[in-house]
Amino acid sequence: MDPDTEKWLADLEDDLRKKKDRSDVLDELFQLTFMGDAEIRQKASWCVAKMGQNKVSDMHILDILVPLADDEDDTVRENVAWGIGEVTGAGIGDERSIETIVRLLDDDITDVRGMAAWAAGRLKHKLKLTSKHLDAKLTSMSEDPSEFVRKSVSFALE
């Protein structure tokens, strides 16, 4: 990662941790998600997810996160699930959210599956968004070997 991008992302992360509204940089973050460097995609997806946690009410957050659900890096995919769950708190979610979470529930990585199950619960509880396919998938995961996944599934199904 070049030093200018690294500094820019570090400053942005610091602003977001201080709960500053930095929705002005969503276009720049979107561009960074196309970079070949996994570290850049990890940091960019974390920043977008953090904006969701900070209750930034902007549909562009989903526009950035949804395509990243197929990223080769598991941290990026986990950030996608986290971000979708968090932006739900700002009242943002749609069919793409559900479809993305269903895909992430099939991930090979435990942390991604667990975060996706948690995000499914947020979609269901906060926005009343679900589907028969999502509910069936969650029910089938109640015996997942991971306690984290099982607890997240339990939250989603309650």
N, C-alpha and C. Protein backbone atom coordinates (compact mmCIF):
# COMPACT_ATOMS: atom_id res chain seq x y z
N MET A 1 0.86 -1.17 0.00
CA MET A 1 0.00 0.00 0.00
C MET A 1 0.90 1.23 0.00
N ASP A 2 0.55 2.19 -0.84
CA ASP A 2 1.40 3.37 -0.90
C ASP A 2 1.18 4.22 0.36
N PRO A 3 2.20 4.96 0.77
CA PRO A 3 2.13 5.73 2.03
C PRO A 3 0.99 6.75 2.09
N ASP A 4 0.67 7.37 0.96
CA ASP A 4 -0.42 8.36 0.95
C ASP A 4 -1.77 7.70 1.25
N THR A 5 -2.01 6.56 0.62
CA THR A 5 -3.26 5.84 0.85
C THR A 5 -3.31 5.33 2.28
N GLU A 6 -2.19 4.81 2.76
CA GLU A 6 -2.13 4.30 4.13
C GLU A 6 -2.45 5.41 5.14
N LYS A 7 -1.88 6.59 4.95
CA LYS A 7 -2.13 7.72 5.86
C LYS A 7 -3.58 8.17 5.75
N TRP A 8 -4.10 8.25 4.53
CA TRP A 8 -5.47 8.69 4.33
C TRP A 8 -6.44 7.74 5.05
N LEU A 9 -6.22 6.43 4.88
CA LEU A 9 -7.08 5.45 5.54
C LEU A 9 -6.94 5.50 7.07
N ALA A 10 -5.73 5.70 7.55
CA ALA A 10 -5.51 5.78 9.01
C ALA A 10 -6.22 7.01 9.58
N ASP A 11 -6.13 8.14 8.88
CA ASP A 11 -6.81 9.36 9.34
C ASP A 11 -8.33 9.17 9.31
N LEU A 12 -8.81 8.52 8.26
CA LEU A 12 -10.25 8.25 8.14
C LEU A 12 -10.71 7.33 9.26
N GLU A 13 -9.95 6.28 9.52
CA GLU A 13 -10.30 5.36 10.60
C GLU A 13 -10.37 6.09 11.93
N ASP A 14 -9.41 6.98 12.16
CA ASP A 14 -9.40 7.76 13.40
C ASP A 14 -10.66 8.63 13.50
N ASP A 15 -11.02 9.29 12.40
CA ASP A 15 -12.24 10.11 12.39
C ASP A 15 -13.47 9.26 12.68
N LEU A 16 -13.54 8.08 12.07
CA LEU A 16 -14.71 7.23 12.26
C LEU A 16 -14.79 6.70 13.68
N ARG A 17 -13.65 6.40 14.28
CA ARG A 17 -13.65 5.96 15.69
C ARG A 17 -14.16 7.08 16.60
N LYS A 18 -13.98 8.32 16.17
CA LYS A 18 -14.47 9.48 16.93
C LYS A 18 -15.91 9.83 16.53
N LYS A 19 -16.50 8.96 15.72
CA LYS A 19 -17.89 9.10 15.28
C LYS A 19 -18.15 10.33 14.41
N LYS A 20 -17.12 10.79 13.71
CA LYS A 20 -17.30 11.90 12.77
C LYS A 20 -18.00 11.38 11.52
N ASP A 21 -18.87 12.21 10.97
CA ASP A 21 -19.56 11.86 9.73
C ASP A 21 -18.59 12.08 8.57
N ARG A 22 -18.16 11.00 7.96
CA ARG A 22 -17.24 11.08 6.83
C ARG A 22 -17.87 10.48 5.58
N SER A 23 -19.18 10.60 5.47
CA SER A 23 -19.86 10.07 4.29
C SER A 23 -19.40 10.77 3.02
N ASP A 24 -18.68 11.87 3.17
CA ASP A 24 -18.15 12.60 2.02
C ASP A 24 -17.09 11.80 1.26
N VAL A 25 -16.58 10.73 1.84
CA VAL A 25 -15.51 9.95 1.19
C VAL A 25 -15.98 8.59 0.68
N LEU A 26 -17.28 8.36 0.63
CA LEU A 26 -17.78 7.07 0.17
C LEU A 26 -17.33 6.75 -1.25
N ASP A 27 -17.29 7.73 -2.13
CA ASP A 27 -16.84 7.47 -3.50
C ASP A 27 -15.38 7.04 -3.53
N GLU A 28 -14.55 7.67 -2.72
CA GLU A 28 -13.13 7.29 -2.66
C GLU A 28 -12.97 5.88 -2.10
N LEU A 29 -13.76 5.55 -1.07
CA LEU A 29 -13.70 4.20 -0.51
C LEU A 29 -14.15 3.16 -1.54
N PHE A 30 -15.18 3.50 -2.29
CA PHE A 30 -15.65 2.59 -3.33
C PHE A 30 -14.53 2.29 -4.32
N GLN A 31 -13.81 3.31 -4.72
CA GLN A 31 -12.70 3.12 -5.66
C GLN A 31 -11.61 2.23 -5.06
N LEU A 32 -11.34 2.38 -3.78
CA LEU A 32 -10.31 1.58 -3.13
C LEU A 32 -10.67 0.09 -3.08
N THR A 33 -11.97 -0.21 -3.11
CA THR A 33 -12.37 -1.62 -3.03
C THR A 33 -12.00 -2.38 -4.31
N PHE A 34 -11.63 -1.67 -5.36
CA PHE A 34 -11.22 -2.32 -6.60
C PHE A 34 -9.71 -2.54 -6.67
N MET A 35 -8.99 -2.08 -5.66
CA MET A 35 -7.54 -2.23 -5.64
C MET A 35 -7.20 -3.70 -5.44
N GLY A 36 -6.08 -4.14 -5.96
CA GLY A 36 -5.68 -5.52 -5.84
C GLY A 36 -5.18 -5.90 -4.47
N ASP A 37 -4.81 -4.93 -3.67
CA ASP A 37 -4.20 -5.17 -2.37
C ASP A 37 -5.28 -5.52 -1.34
N ALA A 38 -5.16 -6.71 -0.73
CA ALA A 38 -6.14 -7.16 0.27
C ALA A 38 -6.17 -6.22 1.47
N GLU A 39 -5.03 -5.69 1.88
CA GLU A 39 -4.98 -4.80 3.04
C GLU A 39 -5.81 -3.54 2.78
N ILE A 40 -5.73 -3.01 1.59
CA ILE A 40 -6.52 -1.82 1.26
C ILE A 40 -8.01 -2.15 1.30
N ARG A 41 -8.39 -3.29 0.72
CA ARG A 41 -9.80 -3.69 0.72
C ARG A 41 -10.29 -3.94 2.14
N GLN A 42 -9.44 -4.52 2.98
CA GLN A 42 -9.81 -4.75 4.38
C GLN A 42 -10.09 -3.43 5.08
N LYS A 43 -9.18 -2.49 4.93
CA LYS A 43 -9.32 -1.19 5.61
C LYS A 43 -10.50 -0.41 5.05
N ALA A 44 -10.66 -0.42 3.73
CA ALA A 44 -11.76 0.31 3.11
C ALA A 44 -13.11 -0.29 3.54
N SER A 45 -13.21 -1.63 3.54
CA SER A 45 -14.48 -2.26 3.93
C SER A 45 -14.75 -2.03 5.41
N TRP A 46 -13.70 -1.99 6.25
CA TRP A 46 -13.89 -1.68 7.67
C TRP A 46 -14.45 -0.27 7.82
N CYS A 47 -13.89 0.68 7.08
CA CYS A 47 -14.36 2.07 7.18
C CYS A 47 -15.82 2.19 6.75
N VAL A 48 -16.19 1.49 5.70
CA VAL A 48 -17.59 1.54 5.24
C VAL A 48 -18.50 0.92 6.30
N ALA A 49 -18.09 -0.22 6.85
CA ALA A 49 -18.89 -0.87 7.90
C ALA A 49 -18.99 0.03 9.13
N LYS A 50 -17.91 0.69 9.48
CA LYS A 50 -17.92 1.59 10.64
C LYS A 50 -18.88 2.75 10.42
N MET A 51 -18.98 3.23 9.18
CA MET A 51 -19.97 4.27 8.88
C MET A 51 -21.37 3.76 9.18
N GLY A 52 -21.62 2.49 8.85
CA GLY A 52 -22.90 1.89 9.19
C GLY A 52 -23.12 1.88 10.68
N GLN A 53 -22.08 1.51 11.43
CA GLN A 53 -22.19 1.49 12.89
C GLN A 53 -22.43 2.90 13.43
N ASN A 54 -21.85 3.89 12.77
CA ASN A 54 -22.03 5.29 13.19
C ASN A 54 -23.36 5.87 12.72
N LYS A 55 -24.21 5.01 12.15
CA LYS A 55 -25.57 5.36 11.72
C LYS A 55 -25.60 6.36 10.57
N VAL A 56 -24.60 6.29 9.67
CA VAL A 56 -24.64 7.10 8.46
C VAL A 56 -25.75 6.52 7.59
N SER A 57 -26.72 7.34 7.28
CA SER A 57 -27.89 6.89 6.53
C SER A 57 -27.68 7.18 5.04
N ASP A 58 -26.97 6.28 4.38
CA ASP A 58 -26.65 6.48 2.96
C ASP A 58 -26.66 5.11 2.27
N MET A 59 -27.52 4.95 1.28
CA MET A 59 -27.62 3.69 0.56
C MET A 59 -26.33 3.30 -0.15
N HIS A 60 -25.44 4.25 -0.37
CA HIS A 60 -24.17 3.95 -1.02
C HIS A 60 -23.35 2.94 -0.21
N ILE A 61 -23.62 2.89 1.09
CA ILE A 61 -22.91 1.92 1.92
C ILE A 61 -23.21 0.51 1.42
N LEU A 62 -24.48 0.22 1.16
CA LEU A 62 -24.83 -1.09 0.61
C LEU A 62 -24.26 -1.27 -0.79
N ASP A 63 -24.27 -0.21 -1.58
CA ASP A 63 -23.73 -0.29 -2.94
C ASP A 63 -22.26 -0.69 -2.92
N ILE A 64 -21.54 -0.30 -1.88
CA ILE A 64 -20.13 -0.65 -1.75
C ILE A 64 -19.97 -2.05 -1.16
N LEU A 65 -20.73 -2.35 -0.13
CA LEU A 65 -20.55 -3.62 0.58
C LEU A 65 -21.00 -4.85 -0.21
N VAL A 66 -22.13 -4.78 -0.85
CA VAL A 66 -22.71 -5.96 -1.49
C VAL A 66 -21.75 -6.63 -2.48
N PRO A 67 -21.11 -5.90 -3.39
CA PRO A 67 -20.18 -6.57 -4.31
C PRO A 67 -18.96 -7.19 -3.61
N LEU A 68 -18.62 -6.70 -2.44
CA LEU A 68 -17.46 -7.22 -1.71
C LEU A 68 -17.74 -8.56 -1.03
N ALA A 69 -18.98 -9.00 -1.04
CA ALA A 69 -19.33 -10.27 -0.40
C ALA A 69 -18.64 -11.46 -1.06
N ASP A 70 -18.18 -11.28 -2.28
CA ASP A 70 -17.48 -12.35 -3.00
C ASP A 70 -15.97 -12.15 -2.99
N ASP A 71 -15.49 -11.24 -2.17
CA ASP A 71 -14.05 -10.97 -2.11
C ASP A 71 -13.31 -12.23 -1.66
N GLU A 72 -12.11 -12.39 -2.14
CA GLU A 72 -11.30 -13.56 -1.77
C GLU A 72 -10.79 -13.49 -0.34
N ASP A 73 -10.79 -12.31 0.26
CA ASP A 73 -10.27 -12.13 1.61
C ASP A 73 -11.38 -12.29 2.65
N ASP A 74 -11.17 -13.16 3.63
CA ASP A 74 -12.22 -13.43 4.61
C ASP A 74 -12.48 -12.24 5.53
N THR A 75 -11.49 -11.41 5.80
CA THR A 75 -11.72 -10.22 6.62
C THR A 75 -12.65 -9.24 5.90
N VAL A 76 -12.47 -9.11 4.61
CA VAL A 76 -13.35 -8.24 3.83
C VAL A 76 -14.78 -8.77 3.89
N ARG A 77 -14.95 -10.08 3.71
CA ARG A 77 -16.30 -10.66 3.75
C ARG A 77 -16.92 -10.50 5.13
N GLU A 78 -16.14 -10.66 6.17
CA GLU A 78 -16.66 -10.45 7.53
C GLU A 78 -17.08 -9.00 7.72
N ASN A 79 -16.28 -8.06 7.20
CA ASN A 79 -16.64 -6.64 7.27
C ASN A 79 -17.94 -6.35 6.53
N VAL A 80 -18.15 -7.05 5.43
CA VAL A 80 -19.41 -6.88 4.67
C VAL A 80 -20.59 -7.27 5.55
N ALA A 81 -20.52 -8.44 6.17
CA ALA A 81 -21.62 -8.87 7.04
C ALA A 81 -21.82 -7.90 8.19
N TRP A 82 -20.73 -7.50 8.83
CA TRP A 82 -20.81 -6.54 9.93
C TRP A 82 -21.44 -5.24 9.46
N GLY A 83 -20.99 -4.74 8.33
CA GLY A 83 -21.52 -3.47 7.80
C GLY A 83 -23.00 -3.54 7.48
N ILE A 84 -23.42 -4.65 6.89
CA ILE A 84 -24.85 -4.80 6.58
C ILE A 84 -25.66 -4.83 7.88
N GLY A 85 -25.17 -5.54 8.86
CA GLY A 85 -25.86 -5.56 10.15
C GLY A 85 -25.92 -4.19 10.80
N GLU A 86 -24.83 -3.46 10.70
CA GLU A 86 -24.79 -2.13 11.34
C GLU A 86 -25.62 -1.09 10.61
N VAL A 87 -25.58 -1.08 9.29
CA VAL A 87 -26.34 -0.08 8.54
C VAL A 87 -27.84 -0.30 8.71
N THR A 88 -28.20 -1.51 9.09
CA THR A 88 -29.59 -1.81 9.41
C THR A 88 -30.09 -0.90 10.53
N GLY A 89 -29.20 -0.59 11.47
CA GLY A 89 -29.56 0.30 12.57
C GLY A 89 -29.87 1.71 12.11
N ALA A 90 -29.39 2.08 10.92
CA ALA A 90 -29.70 3.39 10.34
C ALA A 90 -30.93 3.31 9.44
N GLY A 91 -31.60 2.13 9.46
CA GLY A 91 -32.82 1.98 8.67
C GLY A 91 -32.58 1.62 7.22
N ILE A 92 -31.38 1.13 6.91
CA ILE A 92 -31.04 0.81 5.53
C ILE A 92 -30.94 -0.70 5.36
N GLY A 93 -31.66 -1.20 4.40
CA GLY A 93 -31.62 -2.61 4.05
C GLY A 93 -32.61 -2.87 2.95
N ASP A 94 -32.32 -3.87 2.14
CA ASP A 94 -33.21 -4.22 1.05
C ASP A 94 -32.99 -5.67 0.66
N GLU A 95 -33.57 -6.08 -0.43
CA GLU A 95 -33.45 -7.46 -0.89
C GLU A 95 -31.98 -7.85 -1.10
N ARG A 96 -31.17 -6.91 -1.57
CA ARG A 96 -29.75 -7.21 -1.76
C ARG A 96 -29.09 -7.58 -0.44
N SER A 97 -29.52 -6.93 0.63
CA SER A 97 -28.97 -7.23 1.96
C SER A 97 -29.24 -8.69 2.31
N ILE A 98 -30.47 -9.12 2.12
CA ILE A 98 -30.84 -10.49 2.44
C ILE A 98 -30.06 -11.48 1.58
N GLU A 99 -30.02 -11.23 0.27
CA GLU A 99 -29.31 -12.13 -0.64
C GLU A 99 -27.83 -12.23 -0.28
N THR A 100 -27.24 -11.12 0.08
CA THR A 100 -25.81 -11.11 0.44
C THR A 100 -25.58 -11.90 1.72
N ILE A 101 -26.43 -11.69 2.70
CA ILE A 101 -26.28 -12.40 3.97
C ILE A 101 -26.48 -13.90 3.76
N VAL A 102 -27.43 -14.30 2.94
CA VAL A 102 -27.64 -15.73 2.66
C VAL A 102 -26.36 -16.32 2.06
N ARG A 103 -25.73 -15.62 1.13
CA ARG A 103 -24.47 -16.12 0.55
C ARG A 103 -23.39 -16.24 1.61
N LEU A 104 -23.30 -15.25 2.49
CA LEU A 104 -22.24 -15.26 3.50
C LEU A 104 -22.48 -16.32 4.57
N LEU A 105 -23.72 -16.74 4.75
CA LEU A 105 -24.00 -17.82 5.70
C LEU A 105 -23.39 -19.15 5.25
N ASP A 106 -23.07 -19.26 3.99
CA ASP A 106 -22.44 -20.48 3.45
C ASP A 106 -20.92 -20.39 3.43
N ASP A 107 -20.36 -19.34 3.97
CA ASP A 107 -18.91 -19.14 3.92
C ASP A 107 -18.17 -20.25 4.68
N ASP A 108 -16.99 -20.57 4.23
CA ASP A 108 -16.16 -21.58 4.89
C ASP A 108 -15.56 -21.07 6.20
N ILE A 109 -15.50 -19.77 6.36
CA ILE A 109 -14.85 -19.16 7.53
C ILE A 109 -15.89 -18.92 8.63
N THR A 110 -15.60 -19.43 9.82
CA THR A 110 -16.52 -19.34 10.96
C THR A 110 -16.89 -17.90 11.29
N ASP A 111 -15.91 -17.00 11.33
CA ASP A 111 -16.20 -15.61 11.70
C ASP A 111 -17.13 -14.94 10.69
N VAL A 112 -16.99 -15.29 9.43
CA VAL A 112 -17.88 -14.72 8.41
C VAL A 112 -19.29 -15.26 8.60
N ARG A 113 -19.43 -16.57 8.80
CA ARG A 113 -20.76 -17.16 9.02
C ARG A 113 -21.42 -16.58 10.27
N GLY A 114 -20.66 -16.46 11.34
CA GLY A 114 -21.21 -15.92 12.58
C GLY A 114 -21.68 -14.49 12.44
N MET A 115 -20.86 -13.68 11.78
CA MET A 115 -21.24 -12.28 11.58
C MET A 115 -22.44 -12.18 10.65
N ALA A 116 -22.50 -13.04 9.65
CA ALA A 116 -23.65 -13.04 8.74
C ALA A 116 -24.93 -13.43 9.48
N ALA A 117 -24.84 -14.40 10.37
CA ALA A 117 -26.02 -14.80 11.15
C ALA A 117 -26.47 -13.64 12.05
N TRP A 118 -25.51 -12.95 12.67
CA TRP A 118 -25.85 -11.79 13.49
C TRP A 118 -26.54 -10.72 12.64
N ALA A 119 -25.97 -10.46 11.45
CA ALA A 119 -26.54 -9.45 10.55
C ALA A 119 -27.96 -9.85 10.12
N ALA A 120 -28.18 -11.15 9.91
CA ALA A 120 -29.52 -11.62 9.57
C ALA A 120 -30.50 -11.30 10.70
N GLY A 121 -30.04 -11.47 11.93
CA GLY A 121 -30.87 -11.12 13.08
C GLY A 121 -31.20 -9.65 13.11
N ARG A 122 -30.21 -8.82 12.81
CA ARG A 122 -30.45 -7.37 12.78
C ARG A 122 -31.48 -7.02 11.70
N LEU A 123 -31.33 -7.62 10.52
CA LEU A 123 -32.29 -7.35 9.45
C LEU A 123 -33.69 -7.75 9.87
N LYS A 124 -33.80 -8.91 10.51
CA LYS A 124 -35.11 -9.40 10.93
C LYS A 124 -35.71 -8.55 12.05
N HIS A 125 -34.90 -8.22 13.05
CA HIS A 125 -35.42 -7.53 14.23
C HIS A 125 -35.60 -6.03 14.03
N LYS A 126 -34.68 -5.41 13.31
CA LYS A 126 -34.74 -3.94 13.15
C LYS A 126 -35.61 -3.51 11.98
N LEU A 127 -35.51 -4.23 10.85
CA LEU A 127 -36.23 -3.80 9.65
C LEU A 127 -37.33 -4.77 9.22
N LYS A 128 -37.48 -5.87 9.96
CA LYS A 128 -38.48 -6.89 9.63
C LYS A 128 -38.23 -7.44 8.22
N LEU A 129 -36.97 -7.52 7.81
CA LEU A 129 -36.60 -8.06 6.51
C LEU A 129 -36.13 -9.50 6.67
N THR A 130 -36.74 -10.39 5.93
CA THR A 130 -36.32 -11.78 5.94
C THR A 130 -36.86 -12.43 4.67
N SER A 131 -36.60 -13.69 4.54
CA SER A 131 -37.14 -14.47 3.44
C SER A 131 -37.24 -15.92 3.90
N LYS A 132 -38.04 -16.70 3.22
CA LYS A 132 -38.15 -18.12 3.57
C LYS A 132 -36.80 -18.80 3.43
N HIS A 133 -36.05 -18.42 2.40
CA HIS A 133 -34.73 -19.01 2.18
C HIS A 133 -33.78 -18.67 3.33
N LEU A 134 -33.81 -17.43 3.78
CA LEU A 134 -32.95 -17.01 4.89
C LEU A 134 -33.33 -17.77 6.16
N ASP A 135 -34.60 -17.83 6.46
CA ASP A 135 -35.05 -18.53 7.67
C ASP A 135 -34.67 -20.02 7.63
N ALA A 136 -34.85 -20.63 6.48
CA ALA A 136 -34.49 -22.05 6.34
C ALA A 136 -32.98 -22.24 6.51
N LYS A 137 -32.22 -21.35 5.93
CA LYS A 137 -30.76 -21.45 6.04
C LYS A 137 -30.33 -21.30 7.50
N LEU A 138 -30.89 -20.32 8.20
CA LEU A 138 -30.54 -20.12 9.61
C LEU A 138 -30.92 -21.35 10.44
N THR A 139 -32.11 -21.89 10.21
CA THR A 139 -32.55 -23.07 10.95
C THR A 139 -31.59 -24.24 10.73
N SER A 140 -31.12 -24.39 9.51
CA SER A 140 -30.21 -25.50 9.21
C SER A 140 -28.84 -25.31 9.86
N MET A 141 -28.54 -24.10 10.29
CA MET A 141 -27.23 -23.80 10.89
C MET A 141 -27.24 -23.92 12.41
N SER A 142 -28.34 -24.30 13.00
CA SER A 142 -28.43 -24.34 14.46
C SER A 142 -27.51 -25.38 15.08
N GLU A 143 -26.98 -26.28 14.28
CA GLU A 143 -26.05 -27.29 14.77
C GLU A 143 -24.62 -27.02 14.30
N ASP A 144 -24.34 -25.79 13.87
CA ASP A 144 -22.99 -25.44 13.41
C ASP A 144 -21.97 -25.79 14.50
N PRO A 145 -20.79 -26.26 14.12
CA PRO A 145 -19.78 -26.62 15.12
C PRO A 145 -19.28 -25.43 15.97
N SER A 146 -19.45 -24.23 15.47
CA SER A 146 -18.97 -23.05 16.18
C SER A 146 -20.02 -22.49 17.14
N GLU A 147 -19.62 -22.28 18.38
CA GLU A 147 -20.52 -21.69 19.36
C GLU A 147 -20.92 -20.27 18.94
N PHE A 148 -19.97 -19.52 18.40
CA PHE A 148 -20.24 -18.16 17.92
C PHE A 148 -21.35 -18.18 16.87
N VAL A 149 -21.24 -19.09 15.92
CA VAL A 149 -22.26 -19.18 14.87
C VAL A 149 -23.60 -19.59 15.48
N ARG A 150 -23.59 -20.59 16.35
CA ARG A 150 -24.85 -21.04 16.96
C ARG A 150 -25.53 -19.92 17.75
N LYS A 151 -24.76 -19.15 18.50
CA LYS A 151 -25.35 -18.03 19.26
C LYS A 151 -25.90 -16.96 18.33
N SER A 152 -25.18 -16.68 17.26
CA SER A 152 -25.66 -15.69 16.29
C SER A 152 -26.94 -16.18 15.61
N VAL A 153 -26.98 -17.46 15.29
CA VAL A 153 -28.17 -18.05 14.68
C VAL A 153 -29.35 -17.97 15.66
N SER A 154 -29.08 -18.29 16.91
CA SER A 154 -30.13 -18.22 17.95
C SER A 154 -30.69 -16.80 18.05
N PHE A 155 -29.81 -15.81 18.05
CA PHE A 155 -30.25 -14.41 18.06
C PHE A 155 -31.13 -14.11 16.86
N ALA A 156 -30.71 -14.57 15.69
CA ALA A 156 -31.45 -14.29 14.46
C ALA A 156 -32.82 -14.95 14.46
N LEU A 157 -32.92 -16.12 15.06
CA LEU A 157 -34.17 -16.87 15.02
C LEU A 157 -35.13 -16.51 16.16
N GLU A 158 -34.68 -15.79 17.17
CA GLU A 158 -35.57 -15.48 18.31
C GLU A 158 -36.61 -14.45 17.96
